[in-house]
N, C-alpha and C. Protein backbone atom coordinates (compact mmCIF):
# COMPACT_ATOMS: atom_id res chain seq x y z
N ALA A 1 136.48 100.09 272.94
CA ALA A 1 135.09 99.98 272.54
C ALA A 1 134.62 98.54 272.65
N GLY A 2 135.47 97.60 272.23
CA GLY A 2 135.10 96.18 272.31
C GLY A 2 134.86 95.73 273.73
N ALA A 3 135.70 96.20 274.66
CA ALA A 3 135.54 95.81 276.07
C ALA A 3 134.24 96.37 276.64
N ILE A 4 133.91 97.60 276.29
CA ILE A 4 132.66 98.20 276.76
C ILE A 4 131.46 97.41 276.23
N MET A 5 131.52 97.01 274.97
CA MET A 5 130.43 96.24 274.37
C MET A 5 130.31 94.87 275.01
N MET A 6 131.44 94.28 275.39
CA MET A 6 131.39 92.98 276.07
C MET A 6 130.66 93.12 277.40
N LEU A 7 130.92 94.21 278.12
CA LEU A 7 130.22 94.45 279.39
C LEU A 7 128.74 94.69 279.16
N ALA A 8 128.41 95.46 278.12
CA ALA A 8 127.00 95.73 277.81
C ALA A 8 126.29 94.43 277.43
N ALA A 9 126.96 93.60 276.65
CA ALA A 9 126.36 92.33 276.23
C ALA A 9 126.07 91.46 277.45
N LYS A 10 127.01 91.41 278.37
CA LYS A 10 126.80 90.61 279.58
C LYS A 10 125.63 91.15 280.38
N LYS A 11 125.56 92.47 280.53
CA LYS A 11 124.47 93.11 281.28
C LYS A 11 123.12 92.82 280.65
N ASP A 12 123.05 92.86 279.30
CA ASP A 12 121.79 92.67 278.59
C ASP A 12 121.50 91.21 278.24
N GLY A 13 122.40 90.31 278.61
CA GLY A 13 122.19 88.89 278.33
C GLY A 13 122.36 88.53 276.87
N VAL A 14 123.13 89.33 276.13
CA VAL A 14 123.39 89.06 274.71
C VAL A 14 124.63 88.19 274.62
N ARG A 15 124.50 87.08 273.90
CA ARG A 15 125.62 86.15 273.79
C ARG A 15 126.24 86.24 272.39
N PHE A 16 127.55 86.10 272.34
CA PHE A 16 128.26 86.00 271.07
C PHE A 16 129.53 85.22 271.28
N SER A 17 130.08 84.70 270.19
CA SER A 17 131.32 83.93 270.28
C SER A 17 132.20 84.25 269.07
N ILE A 18 133.45 83.92 269.23
CA ILE A 18 134.42 84.01 268.13
C ILE A 18 135.00 82.62 267.99
N ALA A 19 134.43 81.84 267.07
CA ALA A 19 134.83 80.45 266.92
C ALA A 19 134.86 80.09 265.44
N PRO A 20 135.68 79.10 265.08
CA PRO A 20 135.67 78.66 263.69
C PRO A 20 134.24 78.31 263.26
N ALA A 21 133.90 78.68 262.05
CA ALA A 21 132.53 78.48 261.58
C ALA A 21 132.52 77.60 260.34
N ARG A 22 131.52 76.76 260.26
CA ARG A 22 131.29 75.99 259.04
C ARG A 22 130.42 76.84 258.13
N LEU A 23 130.96 77.15 256.97
CA LEU A 23 130.22 77.99 256.03
C LEU A 23 130.05 77.25 254.72
N SER A 24 128.95 77.54 254.06
CA SER A 24 128.71 76.96 252.74
C SER A 24 129.71 77.56 251.76
N PRO A 25 129.94 76.89 250.63
CA PRO A 25 130.84 77.46 249.62
C PRO A 25 130.41 78.85 249.15
N SER A 26 129.10 79.07 249.03
CA SER A 26 128.64 80.39 248.58
C SER A 26 128.98 81.47 249.62
N ARG A 27 128.90 81.13 250.88
CA ARG A 27 129.26 82.12 251.91
C ARG A 27 130.76 82.40 251.89
N TRP A 28 131.58 81.38 251.61
CA TRP A 28 133.03 81.61 251.49
C TRP A 28 133.33 82.54 250.32
N VAL A 29 132.63 82.35 249.22
CA VAL A 29 132.83 83.23 248.07
C VAL A 29 132.50 84.68 248.47
N ILE A 30 131.39 84.86 249.16
CA ILE A 30 130.99 86.20 249.59
C ILE A 30 132.02 86.78 250.56
N MET A 31 132.53 85.95 251.47
CA MET A 31 133.52 86.46 252.42
C MET A 31 134.81 86.88 251.74
N LEU A 32 135.12 86.30 250.60
CA LEU A 32 136.36 86.64 249.89
C LEU A 32 136.19 87.76 248.87
N LEU A 33 134.95 88.20 248.63
CA LEU A 33 134.71 89.28 247.67
C LEU A 33 135.47 90.58 247.98
N PRO A 34 135.74 90.90 249.25
CA PRO A 34 136.52 92.13 249.49
C PRO A 34 137.90 92.12 248.84
N LEU A 35 138.38 90.95 248.41
CA LEU A 35 139.64 90.90 247.68
C LEU A 35 139.44 91.20 246.20
N LEU A 36 138.23 90.97 245.68
CA LEU A 36 137.93 91.17 244.27
C LEU A 36 137.39 92.57 243.98
N VAL A 37 136.59 93.10 244.87
CA VAL A 37 135.95 94.40 244.62
C VAL A 37 136.97 95.52 244.35
N PRO A 38 138.09 95.62 245.09
CA PRO A 38 139.07 96.66 244.75
C PRO A 38 139.63 96.53 243.33
N VAL A 39 139.77 95.31 242.85
CA VAL A 39 140.26 95.09 241.48
C VAL A 39 139.22 95.61 240.48
N ILE A 40 137.94 95.33 240.75
CA ILE A 40 136.86 95.82 239.88
C ILE A 40 136.85 97.34 239.88
N ILE A 41 136.96 97.95 241.05
CA ILE A 41 136.95 99.41 241.16
C ILE A 41 138.14 100.01 240.41
N ALA A 42 139.32 99.42 240.58
CA ALA A 42 140.51 99.93 239.88
C ALA A 42 140.30 99.86 238.37
N GLY A 43 139.74 98.74 237.88
CA GLY A 43 139.48 98.60 236.46
C GLY A 43 138.48 99.64 235.95
N LEU A 44 137.41 99.87 236.71
CA LEU A 44 136.42 100.88 236.33
C LEU A 44 137.02 102.28 236.31
N MET A 45 137.87 102.56 237.30
CA MET A 45 138.50 103.89 237.34
C MET A 45 139.44 104.08 236.16
N LEU A 46 140.23 103.08 235.86
CA LEU A 46 141.16 103.19 234.73
C LEU A 46 140.39 103.27 233.40
N ALA A 47 139.32 102.49 233.28
CA ALA A 47 138.53 102.50 232.04
C ALA A 47 137.84 103.85 231.81
N SER A 48 137.56 104.56 232.91
CA SER A 48 136.89 105.86 232.77
C SER A 48 137.89 107.01 232.71
N GLY A 49 139.19 106.68 232.59
CA GLY A 49 140.21 107.71 232.43
C GLY A 49 140.70 108.32 233.73
N ASN A 50 140.32 107.74 234.86
CA ASN A 50 140.78 108.24 236.15
C ASN A 50 142.08 107.57 236.54
N ARG A 51 142.81 108.25 237.37
CA ARG A 51 144.10 107.76 237.86
C ARG A 51 143.87 106.71 238.95
N PHE A 52 144.67 105.68 238.92
CA PHE A 52 144.66 104.69 240.00
C PHE A 52 146.09 104.28 240.25
N GLU A 53 146.52 104.40 241.48
CA GLU A 53 147.85 103.92 241.82
C GLU A 53 147.80 103.21 243.16
N LEU A 54 148.59 102.18 243.25
CA LEU A 54 148.65 101.41 244.49
C LEU A 54 149.52 102.15 245.49
N PRO A 55 149.28 101.91 246.78
CA PRO A 55 150.17 102.52 247.77
C PRO A 55 151.57 101.93 247.66
N ASP A 56 152.52 102.63 248.20
CA ASP A 56 153.91 102.18 248.20
C ASP A 56 154.02 101.03 249.19
N PHE A 57 154.18 99.81 248.68
CA PHE A 57 154.23 98.64 249.55
C PHE A 57 155.63 98.46 250.13
N GLN A 58 155.81 98.90 251.31
CA GLN A 58 157.05 98.70 252.03
C GLN A 58 156.87 97.46 252.91
N PRO A 59 157.96 96.79 253.26
CA PRO A 59 157.81 95.64 254.17
C PRO A 59 157.10 96.00 255.47
N THR A 60 157.26 97.25 255.90
CA THR A 60 156.59 97.66 257.14
C THR A 60 155.08 97.74 256.99
N ALA A 61 154.58 97.79 255.74
CA ALA A 61 153.13 97.82 255.53
C ALA A 61 152.47 96.56 256.07
N MET A 62 153.21 95.47 256.09
CA MET A 62 152.66 94.22 256.65
C MET A 62 152.34 94.37 258.13
N LEU A 63 152.98 95.32 258.79
CA LEU A 63 152.70 95.56 260.20
C LEU A 63 151.31 96.15 260.41
N LEU A 64 150.72 96.70 259.36
CA LEU A 64 149.37 97.25 259.46
C LEU A 64 148.31 96.16 259.59
N ILE A 65 148.59 94.99 259.06
CA ILE A 65 147.58 93.93 259.04
C ILE A 65 147.10 93.54 260.44
N PRO A 66 148.00 93.33 261.43
CA PRO A 66 147.48 93.03 262.77
C PRO A 66 146.59 94.16 263.32
N GLY A 67 146.96 95.40 263.04
CA GLY A 67 146.14 96.53 263.49
C GLY A 67 144.77 96.53 262.83
N ILE A 68 144.74 96.19 261.54
CA ILE A 68 143.48 96.10 260.81
C ILE A 68 142.59 95.02 261.43
N ILE A 69 143.17 93.88 261.74
CA ILE A 69 142.41 92.78 262.32
C ILE A 69 141.93 93.12 263.72
N ILE A 70 142.81 93.71 264.53
CA ILE A 70 142.42 94.10 265.90
C ILE A 70 141.28 95.12 265.85
N GLY A 71 141.37 96.07 264.94
CA GLY A 71 140.29 97.05 264.79
C GLY A 71 138.98 96.39 264.41
N ALA A 72 139.04 95.44 263.48
CA ALA A 72 137.82 94.73 263.06
C ALA A 72 137.24 93.91 264.21
N VAL A 73 138.10 93.28 264.99
CA VAL A 73 137.61 92.50 266.15
C VAL A 73 136.87 93.42 267.11
N GLY A 74 137.49 94.56 267.46
CA GLY A 74 136.84 95.49 268.39
C GLY A 74 135.51 96.00 267.88
N GLU A 75 135.47 96.39 266.60
CA GLU A 75 134.21 96.89 266.04
C GLU A 75 133.16 95.79 265.96
N GLU A 76 133.54 94.61 265.55
CA GLU A 76 132.55 93.54 265.38
C GLU A 76 132.02 93.01 266.71
N ILE A 77 132.81 93.10 267.77
CA ILE A 77 132.26 92.77 269.09
C ILE A 77 131.09 93.69 269.38
N GLY A 78 131.24 94.96 269.03
CA GLY A 78 130.16 95.92 269.28
C GLY A 78 129.04 95.83 268.28
N TRP A 79 129.36 95.85 266.98
CA TRP A 79 128.31 95.95 265.96
C TRP A 79 127.55 94.64 265.77
N ARG A 80 128.24 93.56 265.49
CA ARG A 80 127.55 92.29 265.26
C ARG A 80 127.37 91.51 266.55
N GLY A 81 128.41 91.49 267.41
CA GLY A 81 128.33 90.70 268.64
C GLY A 81 127.26 91.21 269.59
N TYR A 82 127.28 92.50 269.82
CA TYR A 82 126.29 93.06 270.76
C TYR A 82 125.06 93.59 270.04
N LEU A 83 125.21 94.68 269.29
CA LEU A 83 124.04 95.40 268.78
C LEU A 83 123.20 94.56 267.82
N GLN A 84 123.82 93.88 266.86
CA GLN A 84 123.05 93.07 265.91
C GLN A 84 122.27 91.99 266.64
N ASN A 85 122.92 91.31 267.57
CA ASN A 85 122.23 90.25 268.30
C ASN A 85 121.19 90.81 269.27
N TYR A 86 121.43 91.98 269.82
CA TYR A 86 120.45 92.63 270.70
C TYR A 86 119.19 92.99 269.92
N LEU A 87 119.38 93.55 268.73
CA LEU A 87 118.24 93.98 267.91
C LEU A 87 117.54 92.83 267.21
N ARG A 88 118.22 91.73 267.02
CA ARG A 88 117.68 90.60 266.26
C ARG A 88 116.32 90.14 266.80
N GLY A 89 116.17 90.12 268.09
CA GLY A 89 114.92 89.64 268.68
C GLY A 89 113.83 90.69 268.81
N LYS A 90 114.12 91.90 268.42
CA LYS A 90 113.16 92.99 268.56
C LYS A 90 112.24 93.04 267.34
N ASN A 91 111.04 93.54 267.54
CA ASN A 91 110.08 93.70 266.45
C ASN A 91 110.27 95.10 265.88
N LEU A 92 111.07 95.21 264.83
CA LEU A 92 111.46 96.51 264.27
C LEU A 92 110.77 96.76 262.94
N LEU A 93 110.59 98.04 262.60
CA LEU A 93 109.99 98.39 261.32
C LEU A 93 110.96 98.23 260.16
N ILE A 94 112.26 98.38 260.43
CA ILE A 94 113.27 98.20 259.39
C ILE A 94 114.23 97.10 259.84
N PRO A 95 114.89 96.42 258.90
CA PRO A 95 115.80 95.34 259.30
C PRO A 95 116.88 95.85 260.26
N SER A 96 117.21 95.01 261.22
CA SER A 96 118.21 95.40 262.22
C SER A 96 119.55 95.72 261.58
N TYR A 97 119.90 95.04 260.48
CA TYR A 97 121.20 95.33 259.86
C TYR A 97 121.26 96.74 259.29
N VAL A 98 120.09 97.32 258.92
CA VAL A 98 120.08 98.70 258.43
C VAL A 98 120.42 99.65 259.58
N ILE A 99 119.83 99.42 260.74
CA ILE A 99 120.13 100.26 261.91
C ILE A 99 121.61 100.15 262.27
N VAL A 100 122.11 98.93 262.32
CA VAL A 100 123.52 98.71 262.66
C VAL A 100 124.42 99.37 261.61
N GLY A 101 124.09 99.21 260.34
CA GLY A 101 124.89 99.81 259.27
C GLY A 101 124.91 101.32 259.31
N LEU A 102 123.75 101.95 259.61
CA LEU A 102 123.70 103.41 259.73
C LEU A 102 124.57 103.89 260.89
N LEU A 103 124.42 103.24 262.04
CA LEU A 103 125.23 103.64 263.21
C LEU A 103 126.71 103.39 262.97
N TRP A 104 127.02 102.29 262.34
CA TRP A 104 128.42 101.96 262.02
C TRP A 104 129.02 103.01 261.09
N GLY A 105 128.25 103.44 260.10
CA GLY A 105 128.74 104.49 259.20
C GLY A 105 128.96 105.80 259.93
N LEU A 106 128.01 106.17 260.80
CA LEU A 106 128.16 107.41 261.57
C LEU A 106 129.33 107.34 262.54
N TRP A 107 129.67 106.13 262.98
CA TRP A 107 130.81 105.91 263.88
C TRP A 107 132.09 106.43 263.25
N HIS A 108 132.18 106.39 261.94
CA HIS A 108 133.36 106.87 261.21
C HIS A 108 133.21 108.36 260.93
N LEU A 109 133.20 109.16 261.99
CA LEU A 109 132.96 110.60 261.89
C LEU A 109 133.89 111.31 260.92
N GLY A 110 135.10 110.81 260.77
CA GLY A 110 136.09 111.46 259.91
C GLY A 110 135.64 111.57 258.46
N ILE A 111 134.69 110.74 258.04
CA ILE A 111 134.24 110.80 256.65
C ILE A 111 133.55 112.12 256.33
N PHE A 112 133.02 112.81 257.34
CA PHE A 112 132.30 114.05 257.10
C PHE A 112 133.24 115.18 256.65
N GLN A 113 134.54 115.01 256.84
CA GLN A 113 135.48 116.04 256.37
C GLN A 113 135.49 116.13 254.84
N TYR A 114 134.99 115.10 254.16
CA TYR A 114 134.94 115.11 252.70
C TYR A 114 133.57 115.57 252.18
N GLY A 115 132.71 116.00 253.08
CA GLY A 115 131.41 116.53 252.69
C GLY A 115 130.27 115.58 253.03
N ALA A 116 129.09 116.14 253.15
CA ALA A 116 127.92 115.36 253.55
C ALA A 116 127.54 114.32 252.49
N LEU A 117 127.68 114.67 251.21
CA LEU A 117 127.34 113.72 250.15
C LEU A 117 128.27 112.51 250.19
N TYR A 118 129.57 112.78 250.33
CA TYR A 118 130.54 111.68 250.44
C TYR A 118 130.18 110.80 251.65
N ALA A 119 129.89 111.43 252.79
CA ALA A 119 129.55 110.68 254.00
C ALA A 119 128.31 109.83 253.77
N GLY A 120 127.30 110.39 253.11
CA GLY A 120 126.08 109.64 252.83
C GLY A 120 126.34 108.43 251.95
N VAL A 121 127.18 108.60 250.94
CA VAL A 121 127.52 107.48 250.05
C VAL A 121 128.31 106.43 250.82
N PHE A 122 129.23 106.86 251.68
CA PHE A 122 129.99 105.94 252.53
C PHE A 122 129.04 105.13 253.42
N ILE A 123 128.06 105.80 254.00
CA ILE A 123 127.11 105.13 254.91
C ILE A 123 126.25 104.12 254.14
N ILE A 124 125.93 104.40 252.90
CA ILE A 124 125.23 103.40 252.08
C ILE A 124 126.09 102.13 252.01
N GLY A 125 127.39 102.32 251.89
CA GLY A 125 128.31 101.18 251.87
C GLY A 125 128.31 100.41 253.19
N THR A 126 128.29 101.12 254.32
CA THR A 126 128.30 100.41 255.60
C THR A 126 126.99 99.66 255.82
N VAL A 127 125.88 100.20 255.30
CA VAL A 127 124.61 99.46 255.39
C VAL A 127 124.70 98.20 254.54
N ALA A 128 125.28 98.30 253.35
CA ALA A 128 125.45 97.12 252.50
C ALA A 128 126.35 96.09 253.17
N TYR A 129 127.49 96.52 253.72
CA TYR A 129 128.37 95.59 254.43
C TYR A 129 127.62 94.91 255.56
N SER A 130 126.85 95.71 256.30
CA SER A 130 126.12 95.19 257.45
C SER A 130 125.11 94.12 257.02
N GLY A 131 124.42 94.37 255.90
CA GLY A 131 123.48 93.38 255.39
C GLY A 131 124.17 92.10 254.97
N ILE A 132 125.33 92.24 254.34
CA ILE A 132 126.08 91.07 253.90
C ILE A 132 126.58 90.28 255.12
N MET A 133 127.06 90.97 256.13
CA MET A 133 127.52 90.27 257.34
C MET A 133 126.36 89.62 258.08
N TYR A 134 125.18 90.24 258.02
CA TYR A 134 123.97 89.63 258.60
C TYR A 134 123.73 88.28 257.91
N TYR A 135 123.81 88.27 256.60
CA TYR A 135 123.63 87.03 255.85
C TYR A 135 124.72 86.01 256.21
N LEU A 136 125.97 86.44 256.29
CA LEU A 136 127.06 85.52 256.61
C LEU A 136 126.85 84.85 257.97
N GLY A 137 126.25 85.57 258.91
CA GLY A 137 126.04 85.03 260.25
C GLY A 137 124.65 84.50 260.51
N GLU A 138 123.84 84.43 259.48
CA GLU A 138 122.43 84.05 259.66
C GLU A 138 122.24 82.67 260.28
N ASP A 139 123.06 81.69 259.89
CA ASP A 139 122.92 80.34 260.42
C ASP A 139 123.38 80.22 261.87
N ASN A 140 124.30 81.09 262.27
CA ASN A 140 124.81 81.07 263.64
C ASN A 140 125.08 82.51 264.06
N PRO A 141 124.03 83.27 264.38
CA PRO A 141 124.19 84.71 264.64
C PRO A 141 125.08 85.06 265.82
N GLU A 142 125.28 84.13 266.73
CA GLU A 142 126.14 84.44 267.88
C GLU A 142 127.62 84.41 267.51
N ASN A 143 127.99 83.75 266.42
CA ASN A 143 129.39 83.64 266.03
C ASN A 143 129.76 84.82 265.14
N ILE A 144 130.65 85.66 265.61
CA ILE A 144 131.03 86.86 264.86
C ILE A 144 132.33 86.69 264.07
N LEU A 145 132.91 85.51 264.06
CA LEU A 145 134.15 85.31 263.32
C LEU A 145 134.00 85.58 261.82
N PRO A 146 132.92 85.11 261.16
CA PRO A 146 132.78 85.47 259.73
C PRO A 146 132.74 86.99 259.51
N ALA A 147 132.07 87.72 260.39
CA ALA A 147 132.00 89.18 260.27
C ALA A 147 133.39 89.80 260.47
N ILE A 148 134.15 89.30 261.42
CA ILE A 148 135.50 89.80 261.65
C ILE A 148 136.37 89.57 260.41
N PHE A 149 136.28 88.39 259.85
CA PHE A 149 137.07 88.04 258.66
C PHE A 149 136.69 88.96 257.49
N PHE A 150 135.39 89.11 257.23
CA PHE A 150 134.90 89.96 256.14
C PHE A 150 135.33 91.40 256.37
N HIS A 151 135.11 91.92 257.57
CA HIS A 151 135.46 93.30 257.91
C HIS A 151 136.96 93.53 257.73
N SER A 152 137.78 92.59 258.16
CA SER A 152 139.23 92.73 258.00
C SER A 152 139.61 92.82 256.52
N LEU A 153 139.01 91.97 255.69
CA LEU A 153 139.32 92.01 254.26
C LEU A 153 138.82 93.30 253.61
N VAL A 154 137.68 93.81 254.05
CA VAL A 154 137.19 95.10 253.53
C VAL A 154 138.21 96.19 253.87
N ASN A 155 138.71 96.20 255.09
CA ASN A 155 139.68 97.22 255.49
C ASN A 155 140.99 97.08 254.73
N ILE A 156 141.41 95.85 254.46
CA ILE A 156 142.61 95.66 253.65
C ILE A 156 142.36 96.18 252.23
N GLY A 157 141.15 95.96 251.71
CA GLY A 157 140.79 96.51 250.41
C GLY A 157 140.86 98.03 250.41
N PHE A 158 140.39 98.65 251.50
CA PHE A 158 140.49 100.11 251.60
C PHE A 158 141.95 100.56 251.59
N TYR A 159 142.83 99.77 252.19
CA TYR A 159 144.25 100.13 252.20
C TYR A 159 144.79 100.24 250.77
N LEU A 160 144.27 99.41 249.86
CA LEU A 160 144.72 99.46 248.47
C LEU A 160 144.42 100.81 247.83
N PHE A 161 143.44 101.54 248.38
CA PHE A 161 143.08 102.85 247.84
C PHE A 161 143.70 104.00 248.63
N SER A 162 144.58 103.68 249.56
CA SER A 162 145.11 104.73 250.44
C SER A 162 146.00 105.73 249.71
N ALA A 163 146.48 105.40 248.53
CA ALA A 163 147.31 106.35 247.77
C ALA A 163 146.45 107.36 247.01
N LEU A 164 145.14 107.14 246.97
CA LEU A 164 144.24 108.02 246.23
C LEU A 164 143.54 109.01 247.15
N GLU A 165 143.17 110.13 246.59
CA GLU A 165 142.33 111.08 247.32
C GLU A 165 140.94 110.48 247.47
N PRO A 166 140.33 110.58 248.65
CA PRO A 166 138.96 110.09 248.79
C PRO A 166 138.03 110.96 247.94
N THR A 167 137.45 110.38 246.90
CA THR A 167 136.56 111.13 246.02
C THR A 167 135.18 110.50 246.05
N LEU A 168 134.23 111.28 245.59
CA LEU A 168 132.86 110.79 245.50
C LEU A 168 132.78 109.61 244.52
N LEU A 169 133.57 109.66 243.45
CA LEU A 169 133.60 108.56 242.49
C LEU A 169 134.05 107.27 243.17
N LEU A 170 135.13 107.34 243.90
CA LEU A 170 135.66 106.16 244.59
C LEU A 170 134.65 105.62 245.60
N ALA A 171 134.09 106.51 246.41
CA ALA A 171 133.09 106.09 247.41
C ALA A 171 131.86 105.53 246.73
N GLY A 172 131.43 106.18 245.64
CA GLY A 172 130.24 105.73 244.93
C GLY A 172 130.42 104.37 244.29
N LEU A 173 131.57 104.14 243.67
CA LEU A 173 131.83 102.83 243.07
C LEU A 173 131.83 101.75 244.15
N ASN A 174 132.53 102.01 245.25
CA ASN A 174 132.62 101.03 246.32
C ASN A 174 131.24 100.74 246.92
N SER A 175 130.53 101.78 247.32
CA SER A 175 129.22 101.57 247.95
C SER A 175 128.24 100.96 246.96
N GLY A 176 128.28 101.43 245.70
CA GLY A 176 127.36 100.90 244.69
C GLY A 176 127.57 99.42 244.43
N ILE A 177 128.82 99.00 244.30
CA ILE A 177 129.11 97.59 244.06
C ILE A 177 128.63 96.75 245.23
N TRP A 178 128.92 97.18 246.46
CA TRP A 178 128.50 96.40 247.63
C TRP A 178 126.99 96.38 247.79
N PHE A 179 126.32 97.47 247.45
CA PHE A 179 124.87 97.49 247.53
C PHE A 179 124.27 96.54 246.50
N ILE A 180 124.84 96.49 245.30
CA ILE A 180 124.38 95.54 244.28
C ILE A 180 124.60 94.11 244.76
N ILE A 181 125.75 93.84 245.38
CA ILE A 181 126.03 92.50 245.91
C ILE A 181 124.98 92.13 246.96
N LEU A 182 124.63 93.08 247.84
CA LEU A 182 123.60 92.81 248.86
C LEU A 182 122.26 92.50 248.19
N LEU A 183 121.89 93.27 247.19
CA LEU A 183 120.61 93.02 246.50
C LEU A 183 120.61 91.65 245.81
N ILE A 184 121.73 91.25 245.24
CA ILE A 184 121.83 89.93 244.62
C ILE A 184 121.65 88.84 245.68
N ILE A 185 122.33 88.99 246.81
CA ILE A 185 122.21 88.01 247.89
C ILE A 185 120.76 87.90 248.34
N LYS A 186 120.12 89.05 248.56
CA LYS A 186 118.73 89.05 249.00
C LYS A 186 117.83 88.40 247.95
N GLY A 187 118.07 88.68 246.66
CA GLY A 187 117.27 88.08 245.60
C GLY A 187 117.43 86.58 245.52
N VAL A 188 118.67 86.11 245.63
CA VAL A 188 118.94 84.67 245.59
C VAL A 188 118.31 84.00 246.79
N ARG A 189 118.43 84.60 247.96
CA ARG A 189 117.82 84.02 249.17
C ARG A 189 116.30 83.96 249.04
N ARG A 190 115.71 85.02 248.52
CA ARG A 190 114.25 85.06 248.39
C ARG A 190 113.79 83.97 247.42
N ARG A 191 114.51 83.80 246.31
CA ARG A 191 114.17 82.77 245.34
C ARG A 191 114.35 81.38 245.94
N GLY A 192 115.35 81.22 246.79
CA GLY A 192 115.61 79.92 247.41
C GLY A 192 114.58 79.54 248.46
N THR A 193 113.89 80.52 249.05
CA THR A 193 112.91 80.22 250.09
C THR A 193 111.49 80.15 249.55
N SER A 194 111.30 80.52 248.28
CA SER A 194 109.93 80.51 247.76
C SER A 194 109.63 79.25 246.96
């Protein structure tokens, strides 16, 4: 998928790069939140009387990390590298990150096996992630490395829940927390520009 998007980007004149980025301290905090959100979710689940257990951490589990990163690189070449940058210059009725987030959520077709409501809640989460990654790349939209880093950490966070059944509660907590984080970011940005 990443290679196809690279060809499409070249054809459409969309530029992107994967390079070290200078980020403000607040952006670094946001990029590291995927390490904290699973802890918050686990605490909320335990406090509400739900079961939470970590996956069985075998040394071979470390072999998953390169696959997680490679997957994030491939997806981010397409979602942020090509599509986000392609839509950025268009005059759209809704923010481009919402379109990218909706398509990104639908890309994960397997979520529909848990029902339409679960899929809808999951897609709310991908729209929130997409908005957050839009903010992370706002100063240098062509550089997708912050998005790759954030996406990789989100996927590692999902791995922490791999021992649990995918439930509406789990999806709702995850998507709800990320949507609140997006709203906070938007509020802080709006206050900073006014």
